[in-house]
Amino acid sequence: MIQLSPTAIGELKRLQKKHLPNGQLRIVVDTSGCKGLAYQMQFTETPQAGDQVFACEDIQVVVDRASIKYLSGLTLDYTEDLMGGGFRFYNPNAVETCSCGHSFAIAS
């Protein structure tokens, strides 16, 4: 299961309206970043075969089969502060994260 905070939902709705009004949020884990794995987000029009779809208010979150094992239990938040805001990933599967918060490592 993936959860979105109220502030993340608000920002995603704003971005969705601007970029792809009928789209769904796709979250993917890619093998990159300083810790080995990195989050990628984009709006997509339709899920692919094998994707899991999570409903969070008006936002549909799509996760592919390969990424779900890294994202189970993830909470996506959005913050705005003086030192720079943005999306924050709270992932119970991550044992280490980089300072930007977009790259992570899991236990081997």
PDB file of N, CA and C in Angstrom:
ATOM      1  N   MET A   1       0.843  -1.183   0.000  1.00  0.00           N
ATOM      2  CA  MET A   1       0.000   0.000   0.000  1.00  0.00           C
ATOM      3  C   MET A   1       0.881   1.237   0.000  1.00  0.00           C
ATOM      4  N   ILE A   2       0.452   2.246  -0.713  1.00  0.00           N
ATOM      5  CA  ILE A   2       1.142   3.529  -0.775  1.00  0.00           C
ATOM      6  C   ILE A   2       0.181   4.593  -0.300  1.00  0.00           C
ATOM      7  N   GLN A   3       0.692   5.525   0.506  1.00  0.00           N
ATOM      8  CA  GLN A   3      -0.146   6.593   1.037  1.00  0.00           C
ATOM      9  C   GLN A   3       0.418   7.941   0.599  1.00  0.00           C
ATOM     10  N   LEU A   4      -0.476   8.901   0.455  1.00  0.00           N
ATOM     11  CA  LEU A   4      -0.108  10.269   0.139  1.00  0.00           C
ATOM     12  C   LEU A   4      -0.598  11.164   1.265  1.00  0.00           C
ATOM     13  N   SER A   5       0.257  12.085   1.711  1.00  0.00           N
ATOM     14  CA  SER A   5      -0.167  13.044   2.721  1.00  0.00           C
ATOM     15  C   SER A   5      -1.116  14.054   2.081  1.00  0.00           C
ATOM     16  N   PRO A   6      -1.894  14.759   2.885  1.00  0.00           N
ATOM     17  CA  PRO A   6      -2.787  15.784   2.325  1.00  0.00           C
ATOM     18  C   PRO A   6      -2.030  16.847   1.513  1.00  0.00           C
ATOM     19  N   THR A   7      -0.841  17.239   1.956  1.00  0.00           N
ATOM     20  CA  THR A   7      -0.081  18.242   1.202  1.00  0.00           C
ATOM     21  C   THR A   7       0.433  17.667  -0.112  1.00  0.00           C
ATOM     22  N   ALA A   8       0.799  16.391  -0.127  1.00  0.00           N
ATOM     23  CA  ALA A   8       1.226  15.749  -1.378  1.00  0.00           C
ATOM     24  C   ALA A   8       0.051  15.658  -2.348  1.00  0.00           C
ATOM     25  N   ILE A   9      -1.114  15.316  -1.845  1.00  0.00           N
ATOM     26  CA  ILE A   9      -2.302  15.240  -2.701  1.00  0.00           C
ATOM     27  C   ILE A   9      -2.585  16.601  -3.321  1.00  0.00           C
ATOM     28  N   GLY A  10      -2.514  17.661  -2.528  1.00  0.00           N
ATOM     29  CA  GLY A  10      -2.760  18.997  -3.042  1.00  0.00           C
ATOM     30  C   GLY A  10      -1.786  19.387  -4.142  1.00  0.00           C
ATOM     31  N   GLU A  11      -0.511  19.127  -3.937  1.00  0.00           N
ATOM     32  CA  GLU A  11       0.499  19.474  -4.943  1.00  0.00           C
ATOM     33  C   GLU A  11       0.370  18.589  -6.180  1.00  0.00           C
ATOM     34  N   LEU A  12       0.086  17.322  -5.996  1.00  0.00           N
ATOM     35  CA  LEU A  12      -0.092  16.428  -7.141  1.00  0.00           C
ATOM     36  C   LEU A  12      -1.309  16.819  -7.974  1.00  0.00           C
ATOM     37  N   LYS A  13      -2.393  17.238  -7.321  1.00  0.00           N
ATOM     38  CA  LYS A  13      -3.567  17.700  -8.058  1.00  0.00           C
ATOM     39  C   LYS A  13      -3.217  18.935  -8.889  1.00  0.00           C
ATOM     40  N   ARG A  14      -2.431  19.844  -8.307  1.00  0.00           N
ATOM     41  CA  ARG A  14      -2.019  21.045  -9.026  1.00  0.00           C
ATOM     42  C   ARG A  14      -1.183  20.679 -10.247  1.00  0.00           C
ATOM     43  N   LEU A  15      -0.212  19.790 -10.056  1.00  0.00           N
ATOM     44  CA  LEU A  15       0.658  19.372 -11.157  1.00  0.00           C
ATOM     45  C   LEU A  15      -0.102  18.564 -12.205  1.00  0.00           C
ATOM     46  N   GLN A  16      -0.998  17.730 -11.744  1.00  0.00           N
ATOM     47  CA  GLN A  16      -1.796  16.909 -12.660  1.00  0.00           C
ATOM     48  C   GLN A  16      -2.639  17.801 -13.572  1.00  0.00           C
ATOM     49  N   LYS A  17      -3.273  18.801 -12.986  1.00  0.00           N
ATOM     50  CA  LYS A  17      -4.103  19.725 -13.766  1.00  0.00           C
ATOM     51  C   LYS A  17      -3.267  20.451 -14.820  1.00  0.00           C
ATOM     52  N   LYS A  18      -2.038  20.778 -14.467  1.00  0.00           N
ATOM     53  CA  LYS A  18      -1.142  21.512 -15.367  1.00  0.00           C
ATOM     54  C   LYS A  18      -0.575  20.624 -16.478  1.00  0.00           C
ATOM     55  N   HIS A  19      -0.228  19.372 -16.157  1.00  0.00           N
ATOM     56  CA  HIS A  19       0.498  18.519 -17.098  1.00  0.00           C
ATOM     57  C   HIS A  19      -0.357  17.462 -17.802  1.00  0.00           C
ATOM     58  N   LEU A  20      -1.199  16.763 -17.056  1.00  0.00           N
ATOM     59  CA  LEU A  20      -1.981  15.676 -17.642  1.00  0.00           C
ATOM     60  C   LEU A  20      -3.260  15.497 -16.808  1.00  0.00           C
ATOM     61  N   PRO A  21      -4.280  16.306 -17.087  1.00  0.00           N
ATOM     62  CA  PRO A  21      -5.478  16.343 -16.227  1.00  0.00           C
ATOM     63  C   PRO A  21      -6.127  14.996 -15.934  1.00  0.00           C
ATOM     64  N   ASN A  22      -6.097  14.072 -16.867  1.00  0.00           N
ATOM     65  CA  ASN A  22      -6.710  12.762 -16.634  1.00  0.00           C
ATOM     66  C   ASN A  22      -5.684  11.684 -16.337  1.00  0.00           C
ATOM     67  N   GLY A  23      -4.477  12.097 -16.027  1.00  0.00           N
ATOM     68  CA  GLY A  23      -3.385  11.149 -15.827  1.00  0.00           C
ATOM     69  C   GLY A  23      -3.341  10.550 -14.440  1.00  0.00           C
ATOM     70  N   GLN A  24      -2.487   9.581 -14.319  1.00  0.00           N
ATOM     71  CA  GLN A  24      -2.226   8.897 -13.054  1.00  0.00           C
ATOM     72  C   GLN A  24      -0.763   9.097 -12.707  1.00  0.00           C
ATOM     73  N   LEU A  25      -0.458   9.103 -11.423  1.00  0.00           N
ATOM     74  CA  LEU A  25       0.917   9.253 -10.975  1.00  0.00           C
ATOM     75  C   LEU A  25       1.614   7.903 -11.004  1.00  0.00           C
ATOM     76  N   ARG A  26       2.688   7.793 -11.753  1.00  0.00           N
ATOM     77  CA  ARG A  26       3.492   6.573 -11.784  1.00  0.00           C
ATOM     78  C   ARG A  26       4.734   6.811 -10.926  1.00  0.00           C
ATOM     79  N   ILE A  27       4.968   5.918  -9.969  1.00  0.00           N
ATOM     80  CA  ILE A  27       6.187   5.939  -9.162  1.00  0.00           C
ATOM     81  C   ILE A  27       6.973   4.684  -9.502  1.00  0.00           C
ATOM     82  N   VAL A  28       8.229   4.890  -9.867  1.00  0.00           N
ATOM     83  CA  VAL A  28       9.115   3.801 -10.284  1.00  0.00           C
ATOM     84  C   VAL A  28      10.390   3.872  -9.459  1.00  0.00           C
ATOM     85  N   VAL A  29      10.956   2.721  -9.163  1.00  0.00           N
ATOM     86  CA  VAL A  29      12.282   2.651  -8.547  1.00  0.00           C
ATOM     87  C   VAL A  29      13.257   2.249  -9.631  1.00  0.00           C
ATOM     88  N   ASP A  30      14.297   3.052  -9.775  1.00  0.00           N
ATOM     89  CA  ASP A  30      15.319   2.838 -10.803  1.00  0.00           C
ATOM     90  C   ASP A  30      16.649   2.543 -10.118  1.00  0.00           C
ATOM     91  N   THR A  31      17.500   1.761 -10.767  1.00  0.00           N
ATOM     92  CA  THR A  31      18.830   1.493 -10.210  1.00  0.00           C
ATOM     93  C   THR A  31      19.753   2.641 -10.610  1.00  0.00           C
ATOM     94  N   SER A  32      19.752   3.662  -9.769  1.00  0.00           N
ATOM     95  CA  SER A  32      20.621   4.822  -9.967  1.00  0.00           C
ATOM     96  C   SER A  32      20.702   5.573  -8.651  1.00  0.00           C
ATOM     97  N   GLY A  33      21.362   6.698  -8.665  1.00  0.00           N
ATOM     98  CA  GLY A  33      21.478   7.502  -7.457  1.00  0.00           C
ATOM     99  C   GLY A  33      22.659   7.075  -6.611  1.00  0.00           C
ATOM    100  N   CYS A  34      22.999   7.897  -5.667  1.00  0.00           N
ATOM    101  CA  CYS A  34      24.208   7.655  -4.865  1.00  0.00           C
ATOM    102  C   CYS A  34      24.065   6.478  -3.898  1.00  0.00           C
ATOM    103  N   LYS A  35      22.855   6.049  -3.609  1.00  0.00           N
ATOM    104  CA  LYS A  35      22.651   4.908  -2.707  1.00  0.00           C
ATOM    105  C   LYS A  35      22.259   3.634  -3.442  1.00  0.00           C
ATOM    106  N   GLY A  36      22.154   3.699  -4.779  1.00  0.00           N
ATOM    107  CA  GLY A  36      21.879   2.499  -5.564  1.00  0.00           C
ATOM    108  C   GLY A  36      20.493   2.414  -6.163  1.00  0.00           C
ATOM    109  N   LEU A  37      19.493   2.971  -5.471  1.00  0.00           N
ATOM    110  CA  LEU A  37      18.126   2.983  -5.971  1.00  0.00           C
ATOM    111  C   LEU A  37      17.595   4.414  -5.886  1.00  0.00           C
ATOM    112  N   ALA A  38      16.742   4.782  -6.828  1.00  0.00           N
ATOM    113  CA  ALA A  38      16.205   6.138  -6.835  1.00  0.00           C
ATOM    114  C   ALA A  38      14.742   6.125  -7.251  1.00  0.00           C
ATOM    115  N   TYR A  39      13.996   7.050  -6.679  1.00  0.00           N
ATOM    116  CA  TYR A  39      12.590   7.221  -7.020  1.00  0.00           C
ATOM    117  C   TYR A  39      12.475   8.055  -8.291  1.00  0.00           C
ATOM    118  N   GLN A  40      11.521   7.682  -9.141  1.00  0.00           N
ATOM    119  CA  GLN A  40      11.161   8.459 -10.324  1.00  0.00           C
ATOM    120  C   GLN A  40       9.646   8.623 -10.295  1.00  0.00           C
ATOM    121  N   MET A  41       9.182   9.822 -10.632  1.00  0.00           N
ATOM    122  CA  MET A  41       7.735  10.065 -10.678  1.00  0.00           C
ATOM    123  C   MET A  41       7.394  10.753 -11.987  1.00  0.00           C
ATOM    124  N   GLN A  42       6.251  10.372 -12.546  1.00  0.00           N
ATOM    125  CA  GLN A  42       5.756  11.017 -13.759  1.00  0.00           C
ATOM    126  C   GLN A  42       4.267  10.744 -13.864  1.00  0.00           C
ATOM    127  N   PHE A  43       3.595  11.562 -14.632  1.00  0.00           N
ATOM    128  CA  PHE A  43       2.188  11.296 -14.915  1.00  0.00           C
ATOM    129  C   PHE A  43       2.098  10.441 -16.165  1.00  0.00           C
ATOM    130  N   THR A  44       1.179   9.500 -16.140  1.00  0.00           N
ATOM    131  CA  THR A  44       0.977   8.583 -17.250  1.00  0.00           C
ATOM    132  C   THR A  44      -0.519   8.492 -17.540  1.00  0.00           C
ATOM    133  N   GLU A  45      -0.841   8.093 -18.746  1.00  0.00           N
ATOM    134  CA  GLU A  45      -2.260   8.023 -19.113  1.00  0.00           C
ATOM    135  C   GLU A  45      -2.931   6.716 -18.725  1.00  0.00           C
ATOM    136  N   THR A  46      -2.217   5.592 -18.859  1.00  0.00           N
ATOM    137  CA  THR A  46      -2.850   4.312 -18.559  1.00  0.00           C
ATOM    138  C   THR A  46      -1.857   3.375 -17.879  1.00  0.00           C
ATOM    139  N   PRO A  47      -2.349   2.545 -16.968  1.00  0.00           N
ATOM    140  CA  PRO A  47      -1.479   1.542 -16.360  1.00  0.00           C
ATOM    141  C   PRO A  47      -1.095   0.472 -17.383  1.00  0.00           C
ATOM    142  N   GLN A  48       0.008  -0.194 -17.129  1.00  0.00           N
ATOM    143  CA  GLN A  48       0.459  -1.306 -17.964  1.00  0.00           C
ATOM    144  C   GLN A  48       0.031  -2.622 -17.303  1.00  0.00           C
ATOM    145  N   ALA A  49       0.097  -3.697 -18.050  1.00  0.00           N
ATOM    146  CA  ALA A  49      -0.219  -5.015 -17.497  1.00  0.00           C
ATOM    147  C   ALA A  49       0.712  -5.304 -16.321  1.00  0.00           C
ATOM    148  N   GLY A  50       0.159  -5.766 -15.229  1.00  0.00           N
ATOM    149  CA  GLY A  50       0.949  -6.101 -14.050  1.00  0.00           C
ATOM    150  C   GLY A  50       1.125  -4.959 -13.067  1.00  0.00           C
ATOM    151  N   ASP A  51       0.730  -3.739 -13.433  1.00  0.00           N
ATOM    152  CA  ASP A  51       0.831  -2.601 -12.519  1.00  0.00           C
ATOM    153  C   ASP A  51      -0.174  -2.736 -11.386  1.00  0.00           C
ATOM    154  N   GLN A  52       0.186  -2.185 -10.244  1.00  0.00           N
ATOM    155  CA  GLN A  52      -0.759  -2.067  -9.147  1.00  0.00           C
ATOM    156  C   GLN A  52      -1.186  -0.612  -9.082  1.00  0.00           C
ATOM    157  N   VAL A  53      -2.476  -0.397  -8.826  1.00  0.00           N
ATOM    158  CA  VAL A  53      -3.018   0.954  -8.760  1.00  0.00           C
ATOM    159  C   VAL A  53      -3.584   1.176  -7.362  1.00  0.00           C
ATOM    160  N   PHE A  54      -3.179   2.303  -6.758  1.00  0.00           N
ATOM    161  CA  PHE A  54      -3.639   2.687  -5.430  1.00  0.00           C
ATOM    162  C   PHE A  54      -4.423   3.983  -5.554  1.00  0.00           C
ATOM    163  N   ALA A  55      -5.577   4.054  -4.932  1.00  0.00           N
ATOM    164  CA  ALA A  55      -6.389   5.264  -4.967  1.00  0.00           C
ATOM    165  C   ALA A  55      -6.153   6.061  -3.691  1.00  0.00           C
ATOM    166  N   CYS A  56      -5.763   7.309  -3.871  1.00  0.00           N
ATOM    167  CA  CYS A  56      -5.554   8.230  -2.755  1.00  0.00           C
ATOM    168  C   CYS A  56      -6.344   9.490  -3.075  1.00  0.00           C
ATOM    169  N   GLU A  57      -7.557   9.557  -2.558  1.00  0.00           N
ATOM    170  CA  GLU A  57      -8.508  10.614  -2.917  1.00  0.00           C
ATOM    171  C   GLU A  57      -8.674  10.630  -4.430  1.00  0.00           C
ATOM    172  N   ASP A  58      -8.397  11.762  -5.077  1.00  0.00           N
ATOM    173  CA  ASP A  58      -8.573  11.850  -6.527  1.00  0.00           C
ATOM    174  C   ASP A  58      -7.327  11.457  -7.306  1.00  0.00           C
ATOM    175  N   ILE A  59      -6.287  11.043  -6.631  1.00  0.00           N
ATOM    176  CA  ILE A  59      -5.027  10.683  -7.285  1.00  0.00           C
ATOM    177  C   ILE A  59      -4.917   9.160  -7.362  1.00  0.00           C
ATOM    178  N   GLN A  60      -4.670   8.663  -8.564  1.00  0.00           N
ATOM    179  CA  GLN A  60      -4.396   7.246  -8.772  1.00  0.00           C
ATOM    180  C   GLN A  60      -2.880   7.085  -8.847  1.00  0.00           C
ATOM    181  N   VAL A  61      -2.309   6.239  -7.992  1.00  0.00           N
ATOM    182  CA  VAL A  61      -0.873   5.984  -7.979  1.00  0.00           C
ATOM    183  C   VAL A  61      -0.636   4.620  -8.616  1.00  0.00           C
ATOM    184  N   VAL A  62       0.214   4.593  -9.633  1.00  0.00           N
ATOM    185  CA  VAL A  62       0.509   3.373 -10.383  1.00  0.00           C
ATOM    186  C   VAL A  62       1.940   2.955 -10.083  1.00  0.00           C
ATOM    187  N   VAL A  63       2.120   1.661  -9.753  1.00  0.00           N
ATOM    188  CA  VAL A  63       3.452   1.118  -9.456  1.00  0.00           C
ATOM    189  C   VAL A  63       3.629  -0.168 -10.251  1.00  0.00           C
ATOM    190  N   ASP A  64       4.768  -0.288 -10.924  1.00  0.00           N
ATOM    191  CA  ASP A  64       5.029  -1.491 -11.710  1.00  0.00           C
ATOM    192  C   ASP A  64       5.436  -2.654 -10.810  1.00  0.00           C
ATOM    193  N   ARG A  65       5.388  -3.837 -11.388  1.00  0.00           N
ATOM    194  CA  ARG A  65       5.655  -5.077 -10.655  1.00  0.00           C
ATOM    195  C   ARG A  65       7.047  -5.097 -10.022  1.00  0.00           C
ATOM    196  N   ALA A  66       8.051  -4.588 -10.723  1.00  0.00           N
ATOM    197  CA  ALA A  66       9.427  -4.612 -10.212  1.00  0.00           C
ATOM    198  C   ALA A  66       9.632  -3.630  -9.058  1.00  0.00           C
ATOM    199  N   SER A  67       8.890  -2.528  -9.045  1.00  0.00           N
ATOM    200  CA  SER A  67       9.092  -1.488  -8.034  1.00  0.00           C
ATOM    201  C   SER A  67       8.316  -1.720  -6.746  1.00  0.00           C
ATOM    202  N   ILE A  68       7.224  -2.476  -6.807  1.00  0.00           N
ATOM    203  CA  ILE A  68       6.340  -2.588  -5.649  1.00  0.00           C
ATOM    204  C   ILE A  68       7.057  -3.164  -4.432  1.00  0.00           C
ATOM    205  N   LYS A  69       8.017  -4.054  -4.636  1.00  0.00           N
ATOM    206  CA  LYS A  69       8.710  -4.639  -3.478  1.00  0.00           C
ATOM    207  C   LYS A  69       9.526  -3.607  -2.708  1.00  0.00           C
ATOM    208  N   TYR A  70       9.914  -2.524  -3.363  1.00  0.00           N
ATOM    209  CA  TYR A  70      10.671  -1.456  -2.709  1.00  0.00           C
ATOM    210  C   TYR A  70       9.760  -0.379  -2.118  1.00  0.00           C
ATOM    211  N   LEU A  71       8.516  -0.322  -2.572  1.00  0.00           N
ATOM    212  CA  LEU A  71       7.635   0.789  -2.219  1.00  0.00           C
ATOM    213  C   LEU A  71       6.500   0.432  -1.278  1.00  0.00           C
ATOM    214  N   SER A  72       6.354  -0.817  -0.922  1.00  0.00           N
ATOM    215  CA  SER A  72       5.279  -1.218  -0.033  1.00  0.00           C
ATOM    216  C   SER A  72       5.389  -0.478   1.300  1.00  0.00           C
ATOM    217  N   GLY A  73       4.340   0.213   1.669  1.00  0.00           N
ATOM    218  CA  GLY A  73       4.329   0.974   2.916  1.00  0.00           C
ATOM    219  C   GLY A  73       4.808   2.415   2.768  1.00  0.00           C
ATOM    220  N   LEU A  74       5.156   2.838   1.559  1.00  0.00           N
ATOM    221  CA  LEU A  74       5.665   4.183   1.310  1.00  0.00           C
ATOM    222  C   LEU A  74       4.614   5.244   1.604  1.00  0.00           C
ATOM    223  N   THR A  75       5.051   6.340   2.212  1.00  0.00           N
ATOM    224  CA  THR A  75       4.232   7.537   2.350  1.00  0.00           C
ATOM    225  C   THR A  75       4.936   8.653   1.608  1.00  0.00           C
ATOM    226  N   LEU A  76       4.217   9.302   0.706  1.00  0.00           N
ATOM    227  CA  LEU A  76       4.751  10.426  -0.047  1.00  0.00           C
ATOM    228  C   LEU A  76       4.184  11.702   0.553  1.00  0.00           C
ATOM    229  N   ASP A  77       5.071  12.629   0.890  1.00  0.00           N
ATOM    230  CA  ASP A  77       4.682  13.893   1.501  1.00  0.00           C
ATOM    231  C   ASP A  77       5.189  15.030   0.620  1.00  0.00           C
ATOM    232  N   TYR A  78       4.693  16.222   0.849  1.00  0.00           N
ATOM    233  CA  TYR A  78       5.182  17.407   0.151  1.00  0.00           C
ATOM    234  C   TYR A  78       5.325  18.517   1.173  1.00  0.00           C
ATOM    235  N   THR A  79       6.481  19.178   1.145  1.00  0.00           N
ATOM    236  CA  THR A  79       6.721  20.271   2.083  1.00  0.00           C
ATOM    237  C   THR A  79       7.239  21.493   1.344  1.00  0.00           C
ATOM    238  N   GLU A  80       6.959  22.639   1.908  1.00  0.00           N
ATOM    239  CA  GLU A  80       7.521  23.898   1.432  1.00  0.00           C
ATOM    240  C   GLU A  80       8.172  24.549   2.638  1.00  0.00           C
ATOM    241  N   ASP A  81       9.458  24.827   2.522  1.00  0.00           N
ATOM    242  CA  ASP A  81      10.134  25.505   3.618  1.00  0.00           C
ATOM    243  C   ASP A  81      11.228  26.411   3.064  1.00  0.00           C
ATOM    244  N   LEU A  82      11.860  27.163   3.940  1.00  0.00           N
ATOM    245  CA  LEU A  82      12.864  28.143   3.525  1.00  0.00           C
ATOM    246  C   LEU A  82      14.095  27.518   2.882  1.00  0.00           C
ATOM    247  N   MET A  83      14.405  26.299   3.246  1.00  0.00           N
ATOM    248  CA  MET A  83      15.602  25.636   2.724  1.00  0.00           C
ATOM    249  C   MET A  83      15.302  24.804   1.484  1.00  0.00           C
ATOM    250  N   GLY A  84      14.132  24.906   0.974  1.00  0.00           N
ATOM    251  CA  GLY A  84      13.775  24.161  -0.239  1.00  0.00           C
ATOM    252  C   GLY A  84      12.741  23.106   0.050  1.00  0.00           C
ATOM    253  N   GLY A  85      11.677  23.169  -0.646  1.00  0.00           N
ATOM    254  CA  GLY A  85      10.602  22.207  -0.460  1.00  0.00           C
ATOM    255  C   GLY A  85      10.645  21.143  -1.534  1.00  0.00           C
ATOM    256  N   GLY A  86       9.662  20.312  -1.512  1.00  0.00           N
ATOM    257  CA  GLY A  86       9.548  19.274  -2.520  1.00  0.00           C
ATOM    258  C   GLY A  86       8.916  18.030  -1.944  1.00  0.00           C
ATOM    259  N   PHE A  87       8.878  17.002  -2.758  1.00  0.00           N
ATOM    260  CA  PHE A  87       8.317  15.729  -2.331  1.00  0.00           C
ATOM    261  C   PHE A  87       9.314  14.998  -1.444  1.00  0.00           C
ATOM    262  N   ARG A  88       8.794  14.388  -0.401  1.00  0.00           N
ATOM    263  CA  ARG A  88       9.600  13.620   0.545  1.00  0.00           C
ATOM    264  C   ARG A  88       9.051  12.196   0.574  1.00  0.00           C
ATOM    265  N   PHE A  89       9.964  11.239   0.516  1.00  0.00           N
ATOM    266  CA  PHE A  89       9.602   9.824   0.514  1.00  0.00           C
ATOM    267  C   PHE A  89       9.920   9.236   1.886  1.00  0.00           C
ATOM    268  N   TYR A  90       8.916   8.687   2.543  1.00  0.00           N
ATOM    269  CA  TYR A  90       9.095   7.991   3.817  1.00  0.00           C
ATOM    270  C   TYR A  90       8.857   6.515   3.537  1.00  0.00           C
ATOM    271  N   ASN A  91       9.970   5.796   3.405  1.00  0.00           N
ATOM    272  CA  ASN A  91       9.934   4.419   2.945  1.00  0.00           C
ATOM    273  C   ASN A  91      10.436   3.491   4.056  1.00  0.00           C
ATOM    274  N   PRO A  92       9.565   2.640   4.604  1.00  0.00           N
ATOM    275  CA  PRO A  92       9.989   1.740   5.673  1.00  0.00           C
ATOM    276  C   PRO A  92      10.975   0.668   5.192  1.00  0.00           C
ATOM    277  N   ASN A  93      11.111   0.484   3.895  1.00  0.00           N
ATOM    278  CA  ASN A  93      12.036  -0.510   3.348  1.00  0.00           C
ATOM    279  C   ASN A  93      13.457   0.024   3.199  1.00  0.00           C
ATOM    280  N   ALA A  94      13.625   1.341   3.249  1.00  0.00           N
ATOM    281  CA  ALA A  94      14.939   1.959   3.070  1.00  0.00           C
ATOM    282  C   ALA A  94      15.736   1.867   4.371  1.00  0.00           C
ATOM    283  N   VAL A  95      16.971   1.390   4.270  1.00  0.00           N
ATOM    284  CA  VAL A  95      17.853   1.338   5.432  1.00  0.00           C
ATOM    285  C   VAL A  95      18.826   2.506   5.429  1.00  0.00           C
ATOM    286  N   GLU A  96      18.923   3.188   4.301  1.00  0.00           N
ATOM    287  CA  GLU A  96      19.804   4.338   4.165  1.00  0.00           C
ATOM    288  C   GLU A  96      19.264   5.221   3.045  1.00  0.00           C
ATOM    289  N   THR A  97      19.340   6.540   3.227  1.00  0.00           N
ATOM    290  CA  THR A  97      18.925   7.476   2.185  1.00  0.00           C
ATOM    291  C   THR A  97      20.007   8.524   1.992  1.00  0.00           C
ATOM    292  N   CYS A  98      20.013   9.145   0.825  1.00  0.00           N
ATOM    293  CA  CYS A  98      20.965  10.224   0.573  1.00  0.00           C
ATOM    294  C   CYS A  98      20.389  11.524   1.138  1.00  0.00           C
ATOM    295  N   SER A  99      21.193  12.558   1.122  1.00  0.00           N
ATOM    296  CA  SER A  99      20.751  13.817   1.712  1.00  0.00           C
ATOM    297  C   SER A  99      19.588  14.453   0.959  1.00  0.00           C
ATOM    298  N   CYS A 100      19.476  14.206  -0.338  1.00  0.00           N
ATOM    299  CA  CYS A 100      18.357  14.783  -1.098  1.00  0.00           C
ATOM    300  C   CYS A 100      17.072  13.997  -0.864  1.00  0.00           C
ATOM    301  N   GLY A 101      17.176  12.760  -0.397  1.00  0.00           N
ATOM    302  CA  GLY A 101      16.002  11.953  -0.094  1.00  0.00           C
ATOM    303  C   GLY A 101      15.416  11.217  -1.281  1.00  0.00           C
ATOM    304  N   HIS A 102      16.033  11.319  -2.446  1.00  0.00           N
ATOM    305  CA  HIS A 102      15.494  10.658  -3.632  1.00  0.00           C
ATOM    306  C   HIS A 102      16.223   9.372  -3.980  1.00  0.00           C
ATOM    307  N   SER A 103      17.308   9.093  -3.285  1.00  0.00           N
ATOM    308  CA  SER A 103      18.076   7.865  -3.506  1.00  0.00           C
ATOM    309  C   SER A 103      18.111   7.096  -2.182  1.00  0.00           C
ATOM    310  N   PHE A 104      18.047   5.783  -2.280  1.00  0.00           N
ATOM    311  CA  PHE A 104      18.003   4.975  -1.069  1.00  0.00           C
ATOM    312  C   PHE A 104      18.627   3.611  -1.284  1.00  0.00           C
ATOM    313  N   ALA A 105      18.876   2.936  -0.178  1.00  0.00           N
ATOM    314  CA  ALA A 105      19.392   1.565  -0.208  1.00  0.00           C
ATOM    315  C   ALA A 105      18.472   0.714   0.662  1.00  0.00           C
ATOM    316  N   ILE A 106      18.416  -0.555   0.326  1.00  0.00           N
ATOM    317  CA  ILE A 106      17.644  -1.506   1.123  1.00  0.00           C
ATOM    318  C   ILE A 106      18.595  -2.553   1.693  1.00  0.00           C
ATOM    319  N   ALA A 107      18.138  -3.282   2.690  1.00  0.00           N
ATOM    320  CA  ALA A 107      18.953  -4.350   3.269  1.00  0.00           C
ATOM    321  C   ALA A 107      19.132  -5.459   2.230  1.00  0.00           C
ATOM    322  N   SER A 108      20.322  -5.993   2.146  1.00  0.00           N
ATOM    323  CA  SER A 108      20.543  -7.070   1.158  1.00  0.00           C
ATOM    324  C   SER A 108      20.257  -8.436   1.715  1.00  0.00           C
TER     325      SER A 108
END
